Every structure is written in structure tokens, then in C-alpha cells.
């Protein structure tokens, strides 16, 4: 997987020409549960996923997976991960989406750090053929101890989106819609240790368009992590997403209930 610095250089070439264009987009990906699994010092590796195969009355497969890694050293924290979700049953496509995300944090003080992040994303059912974004801003530790943490993030974000208005067409088709955006990205995240082996994490993002604040996206994710051992854990989470101004053919609200098993090294 490319390093965060290489991803920043690669995506900046695509995103920066579109900084002054208005847009409609929904580019949230919640990184807080992933950040929570990164070790305080040294390297970390994370593998997460599920797979179901079906034959007989129901034929097809459902699969999702995430692979990632991180490095923490002194004031520096960097992590990156990639995810794929796919479902096709009885010749009907149910889910087809993917993303790659990389983030770097520099701790200015014990309570304040500065974040830089990049992301690439696709989602067939949201008509997103490809989306590149780059962002930066401060992260504040409102309260942080071994049992409870509350964090606030504020960032500026620039996006470059290609929407597939005629599903199935190739990249660069005349039916594609190319857009750019400038958005604020604000999030409030809290995690708590409920008992030995059980953690809970909740995060809410709000991302208004800087040129049209009524065009806003909201993402909320809450869930529990159950530690089976030092390396294995299971999790269950509920995700709700709202976009006040989606592209034609896309509903404004999505919800999802997710469960997974995770290996952390």
C-alpha cells in the first residue's frame, strides 16, 4: 500500500484544480475505530473481514474485507487501510464499493495534534465511479484517559468526484459527471472501556459545503468491540448517513448494521 506521503502527492495533482468548484458529494469514512486499534508505539497490522458463499436455492457470495497498518513513534502517528465490500446473490448485485484511506497525525501538544489525510473511493450504488480527496486540520483531545476519550476534529477538505450517471460506462465517458468541492469536515468522537474486554466507540461527522452550507452530509457510527484475546476481537456497529443534496437517482439516507472479526498484530 502506498505511503501517506506518496498518496498525498498523487491525489493532490487531481484534487487541487477543482478547489473552486461547487459540488454534491458524500465522502465520509469513519477512521476512529481503526485508529483505536493502532498501538501506542511501534508498528501495527490489522486484518478484518467476512465471507459467505451460497449454492442451491440461493447462489452467489457476499464478502467484505479490510487490511491496514499503522506506525506510532513519539509525536508521529501514521496509518493507512483499504476496504472492499461486495455482494451478488442470484445474479443480483447488492453491494459493490471500495476505498483506500491514509492519515498522518503530528502531536503539537498533549491535547492538540494536526492531521493530514487522503482518500480514494468508489461505490456503484451511490454512482461514485471514483472520488479523490485531500484534507487537513487540527484534532483536539477534550478528555483522554485509559478508560474514556473524547475528541474533536476540524478540517478543510477538497474533493474531485466522477459520478457514473450511466452505470456500466467506462471512466471518461461523456455520461460521467466531473465535479469538485470545498468542504469543512467536523467530527466528535468518544470511546470508553465498559468492562474488561468490551469497548464502545461513537463518532459523528458533519461536512457542510463551504460555498453552500445548506448542502451538508452527516455520518454517525456507534458500536461495540469485544476483545477475545490480545490479537482477536469482534465488533458490531450501526452506521447512518445523510446527504441533503445527492445526485439524481441516489437516496439521501443510508443505514447499515455491520459485524466483523478483526486480527491485530
Protein backbone atom coordinates (compact mmCIF):
# COMPACT_ATOMS: atom_id res chain seq x y z
CA UNK A 1 0.00 0.00 0.00
CA UNK A 2 1.43 3.46 -0.87
CA UNK A 3 2.79 5.56 1.99
CA UNK A 4 0.70 8.53 3.22
CA UNK A 5 3.21 10.99 1.69
CA UNK A 6 3.02 9.34 -1.75
CA UNK A 7 -0.80 9.26 -1.60
CA UNK A 8 -0.84 12.97 -0.74
CA UNK A 9 1.32 13.85 -3.75
CA UNK A 10 -0.64 11.63 -6.14
CA UNK A 11 -4.12 12.81 -5.10
CA UNK A 12 -3.16 16.48 -4.77
CA UNK A 13 -2.49 16.58 -8.54
CA UNK A 14 -6.11 15.54 -9.18
CA UNK A 15 -7.88 17.46 -6.41
CA UNK A 16 -6.27 20.91 -6.42
CA UNK A 17 -7.57 22.04 -9.87
CA UNK A 18 -11.14 21.64 -8.57
CA UNK A 19 -10.88 23.63 -5.33
CA UNK A 20 -13.08 26.48 -6.54
CA UNK A 21 -15.93 24.39 -7.99
CA UNK A 22 -19.20 23.75 -6.10
CA UNK A 23 -20.25 20.11 -5.75
CA UNK A 24 -22.53 17.49 -4.26
CA UNK A 25 -20.78 14.58 -2.56
CA UNK A 26 -20.79 12.25 0.41
CA UNK A 27 -17.23 11.20 1.16
CA UNK A 28 -17.27 10.31 4.83
CA UNK A 29 -15.34 7.34 6.09
CA UNK A 30 -15.12 6.87 9.85
CA UNK A 31 -11.47 6.23 10.79
CA UNK A 32 -11.89 6.37 14.58
CA UNK A 33 -12.49 2.62 15.19
CA UNK A 34 -9.38 1.89 13.11
CA UNK A 35 -7.29 4.50 14.97
CA UNK A 36 -8.30 2.92 18.29
CA UNK A 37 -6.61 -0.35 17.26
CA UNK A 38 -3.23 1.23 16.47
CA UNK A 39 -0.60 0.52 19.13
CA UNK A 40 0.73 3.49 21.10
CA UNK A 41 4.28 2.76 19.89
CA UNK A 42 5.69 0.70 17.05
CA UNK A 43 4.04 -1.00 14.08
CA UNK A 44 0.50 -2.37 13.87
CA UNK A 45 -1.18 -4.61 11.30
CA UNK A 46 -4.94 -5.17 11.05
CA UNK A 47 -6.92 -7.71 9.03
CA UNK A 48 -10.73 -7.77 9.16
CA UNK A 49 -13.43 -9.42 7.10
CA UNK A 50 -16.26 -11.82 6.43
CA UNK A 51 -17.15 -14.15 3.54
CA UNK A 52 -20.33 -16.10 2.76
CA UNK A 53 -20.78 -18.41 -0.24
CA UNK A 54 -24.20 -19.75 -1.31
CA UNK A 55 -25.36 -22.58 -3.61
CA UNK A 56 -28.76 -24.20 -4.20
CA UNK A 57 -31.87 -22.02 -3.89
CA UNK A 58 -29.64 -19.01 -3.28
CA UNK A 59 -26.49 -18.72 -5.36
CA UNK A 60 -23.74 -16.16 -5.07
CA UNK A 61 -21.47 -14.64 -2.48
CA UNK A 62 -21.10 -11.79 -0.04
CA UNK A 63 -17.70 -10.62 1.11
CA UNK A 64 -16.10 -7.66 2.80
CA UNK A 65 -12.58 -7.14 3.98
CA UNK A 66 -10.24 -4.53 5.38
CA UNK A 67 -6.46 -4.57 5.56
CA UNK A 68 -4.34 -1.86 7.08
CA UNK A 69 -1.32 -0.88 9.09
CA UNK A 70 -0.01 1.91 11.27
CA UNK A 71 3.13 3.33 12.84
CA UNK A 72 3.33 5.33 16.07
CA UNK A 73 6.57 6.93 17.22
CA UNK A 74 6.89 9.87 19.58
CA UNK A 75 4.80 12.75 18.23
CA UNK A 76 4.08 10.92 14.95
CA UNK A 77 1.17 8.64 14.05
CA UNK A 78 0.52 7.35 10.52
CA UNK A 79 -1.91 4.73 9.33
CA UNK A 80 -3.50 3.54 6.09
CA UNK A 81 -6.14 0.98 5.20
CA UNK A 82 -8.07 -0.38 2.22
CA UNK A 83 -11.54 -1.93 2.20
CA UNK A 84 -13.74 -3.80 -0.29
CA UNK A 85 -17.45 -4.72 0.13
CA UNK A 86 -19.17 -6.92 -2.46
CA UNK A 87 -22.43 -8.86 -2.61
CA UNK A 88 -24.10 -10.67 -5.51
CA UNK A 89 -26.93 -13.17 -4.94
CA UNK A 90 -28.99 -14.90 -7.65
CA UNK A 91 -27.36 -12.70 -10.29
CA UNK A 92 -28.42 -9.52 -8.47
CA UNK A 93 -25.71 -7.13 -7.37
CA UNK A 94 -26.32 -5.91 -3.83
CA UNK A 95 -23.11 -4.09 -2.80
CA UNK A 96 -20.02 -3.03 -4.74
CA UNK A 97 -17.83 -0.41 -3.08
CA UNK A 98 -14.22 0.17 -2.06
CA UNK A 99 -11.93 2.79 -0.57
CA UNK A 100 -8.33 3.50 0.39
CA UNK A 101 -7.57 5.95 3.19
CA UNK A 102 -4.28 7.25 4.65
CA UNK A 103 -3.80 9.65 7.55
CA UNK A 104 -0.89 11.31 9.36
CA UNK A 105 -1.08 12.98 12.79
CA UNK A 106 1.56 15.16 14.42
CA UNK A 107 1.13 15.84 18.15
CA UNK A 108 1.75 19.55 18.75
CA UNK A 109 0.92 19.25 22.46
CA UNK A 110 -0.60 16.50 24.60
CA UNK A 111 -4.07 17.87 23.78
CA UNK A 112 -3.67 19.14 20.20
CA UNK A 113 -2.46 17.40 17.05
CA UNK A 114 -2.51 18.24 13.34
CA UNK A 115 -3.96 15.81 10.79
CA UNK A 116 -3.41 15.35 7.07
CA UNK A 117 -5.43 12.74 5.16
CA UNK A 118 -6.10 11.46 1.64
CA UNK A 119 -8.70 9.05 0.30
CA UNK A 120 -9.82 7.31 -2.88
CA UNK A 121 -13.31 5.77 -3.06
CA UNK A 122 -15.87 4.11 -5.35
CA UNK A 123 -19.48 2.99 -4.80
CA UNK A 124 -21.67 1.58 -7.58
CA UNK A 125 -24.98 2.27 -5.83
CA UNK A 126 -24.09 5.85 -4.94
CA UNK A 127 -23.00 6.28 -8.60
CA UNK A 128 -19.47 7.15 -7.46
CA UNK A 129 -17.11 5.94 -10.19
CA UNK A 130 -14.10 7.46 -8.46
CA UNK A 131 -13.59 10.05 -5.74
CA UNK A 132 -10.28 11.57 -4.61
CA UNK A 133 -10.00 13.87 -1.61
CA UNK A 134 -7.33 15.54 0.48
CA UNK A 135 -7.79 17.34 3.81
CA UNK A 136 -6.01 18.84 6.79
CA UNK A 137 -6.85 20.36 10.17
CA UNK A 138 -6.44 20.14 13.97
CA UNK A 139 -7.63 17.40 16.32
CA UNK A 140 -8.34 18.23 19.97
CA UNK A 141 -8.34 15.82 22.89
CA UNK A 142 -11.15 17.23 25.04
CA UNK A 143 -10.70 14.44 27.59
CA UNK A 144 -8.40 11.45 27.44
CA UNK A 145 -7.52 8.77 29.98
CA UNK A 146 -7.21 4.96 29.76
CA UNK A 147 -10.98 4.50 30.25
CA UNK A 148 -12.57 7.43 28.40
CA UNK A 149 -11.60 9.61 25.46
CA UNK A 150 -13.46 12.50 23.79
CA UNK A 151 -12.02 14.08 20.64
CA UNK A 152 -12.97 16.93 18.31
CA UNK A 153 -11.65 17.27 14.76
CA UNK A 154 -11.93 20.26 12.41
CA UNK A 155 -10.61 20.05 8.86
CA UNK A 156 -10.67 21.64 5.43
CA UNK A 157 -11.32 19.11 2.67
CA UNK A 158 -11.03 19.30 -1.14
CA UNK A 159 -12.63 16.68 -3.40
CA UNK A 160 -12.61 15.55 -7.02
CA UNK A 161 -15.58 13.33 -7.97
CA UNK A 162 -16.55 11.38 -11.08
CA UNK A 163 -20.20 10.25 -10.99
CA UNK A 164 -21.40 7.40 -13.20
CA UNK A 165 -24.75 8.74 -14.41
CA UNK A 166 -24.97 5.83 -16.85
CA UNK A 167 -23.95 2.80 -14.73
CA UNK A 168 -21.56 0.48 -16.52
CA UNK A 169 -19.91 3.11 -18.72
CA UNK A 170 -16.13 3.40 -18.78
CA UNK A 171 -14.12 6.06 -16.96
CA UNK A 172 -14.01 9.18 -19.10
CA UNK A 173 -17.39 8.51 -20.73
CA UNK A 174 -19.38 11.55 -21.90
CA UNK A 175 -22.13 10.39 -19.49
CA UNK A 176 -19.83 10.91 -16.48
CA UNK A 177 -20.20 14.00 -14.30
CA UNK A 178 -16.95 15.54 -13.07
CA UNK A 179 -17.17 17.79 -10.01
CA UNK A 180 -15.02 19.40 -7.36
CA UNK A 181 -15.81 20.70 -3.87
CA UNK A 182 -14.52 22.54 -0.83
CA UNK A 183 -15.98 21.32 2.46
CA UNK A 184 -15.47 21.68 6.18
CA UNK A 185 -15.21 18.35 8.00
CA UNK A 186 -16.06 18.36 11.70
CA UNK A 187 -16.26 15.29 13.89
CA UNK A 188 -16.87 14.47 17.53
CA UNK A 189 -15.71 11.06 18.70
CA UNK A 190 -15.84 9.28 22.05
CA UNK A 191 -14.62 5.88 23.17
CA UNK A 192 -14.99 4.19 26.54
CA UNK A 193 -13.96 0.95 28.21
CA UNK A 194 -17.13 -0.53 29.69
CA UNK A 195 -15.50 -3.57 31.28
CA UNK A 196 -12.59 -5.92 30.71
CA UNK A 197 -12.70 -6.83 27.05
CA UNK A 198 -15.57 -4.55 25.98
CA UNK A 199 -15.10 -1.11 24.39
CA UNK A 200 -17.58 1.24 22.78
CA UNK A 201 -16.89 3.88 20.14
CA UNK A 202 -19.23 6.54 18.74
CA UNK A 203 -18.41 9.15 16.09
CA UNK A 204 -20.46 11.80 14.30
CA UNK A 205 -19.26 13.77 11.27
CA UNK A 206 -20.80 16.92 9.77
CA UNK A 207 -19.46 18.13 6.41
CA UNK A 208 -21.09 21.30 5.02
CA UNK A 209 -20.18 22.69 1.61
CA UNK A 210 -18.23 25.90 2.21
CA UNK A 211 -19.94 27.65 -0.73
CA UNK A 212 -23.45 26.42 0.24
CA UNK A 213 -23.86 25.44 3.93
CA UNK A 214 -27.35 24.03 3.25
CA UNK A 215 -25.61 21.29 1.26
CA UNK A 216 -24.47 19.11 4.15
CA UNK A 217 -23.56 15.48 4.80
CA UNK A 218 -23.83 13.78 8.20
CA UNK A 219 -22.40 10.42 9.21
CA UNK A 220 -22.93 8.74 12.58
CA UNK A 221 -21.44 5.41 13.62
CA UNK A 222 -21.71 3.71 17.02
CA UNK A 223 -20.74 0.24 18.10
CA UNK A 224 -19.05 -2.18 20.46
CA UNK A 225 -15.74 -4.02 20.26
CA UNK A 226 -15.40 -7.34 22.11
CA UNK A 227 -11.80 -8.39 22.70
CA UNK A 228 -11.45 -12.17 22.50
CA UNK A 229 -7.68 -12.10 23.03
CA UNK A 230 -4.80 -9.67 22.59
CA UNK A 231 -4.94 -10.31 18.83
CA UNK A 232 -8.55 -11.18 18.04
CA UNK A 233 -11.70 -9.14 18.52
CA UNK A 234 -15.24 -8.97 17.19
CA UNK A 235 -17.31 -5.86 16.66
CA UNK A 236 -20.83 -4.74 15.86
CA UNK A 237 -21.75 -1.22 14.74
CA UNK A 238 -24.65 0.78 13.34
CA UNK A 239 -23.97 3.38 10.64
CA UNK A 240 -26.34 6.10 9.40
CA UNK A 241 -25.52 8.51 6.58
CA UNK A 242 -27.43 11.55 5.31
CA UNK A 243 -26.75 13.74 2.26
CA UNK A 244 -29.01 16.78 1.82
CA UNK A 245 -28.22 17.05 -1.90
CA UNK A 246 -27.47 13.68 -3.55
CA UNK A 247 -27.02 13.16 -7.29
CA UNK A 248 -30.17 12.16 -9.22
CA UNK A 249 -31.12 8.53 -8.60
CA UNK A 250 -29.45 8.31 -5.17
CA UNK A 251 -31.46 8.34 -1.92
CA UNK A 252 -30.41 10.90 0.74
CA UNK A 253 -30.26 8.41 3.65
CA UNK A 254 -28.44 5.09 4.11
CA UNK A 255 -28.22 2.86 7.19
CA UNK A 256 -26.11 -0.23 7.78
CA UNK A 257 -25.57 -2.77 10.55
CA UNK A 258 -22.07 -4.23 10.42
CA UNK A 259 -20.30 -7.03 12.29
CA UNK A 260 -16.75 -8.22 11.82
CA UNK A 261 -13.89 -10.21 13.27
CA UNK A 262 -10.50 -8.49 13.46
CA UNK A 263 -6.91 -9.69 13.72
CA UNK A 264 -4.49 -7.13 15.15
CA UNK A 265 -0.72 -7.67 15.19
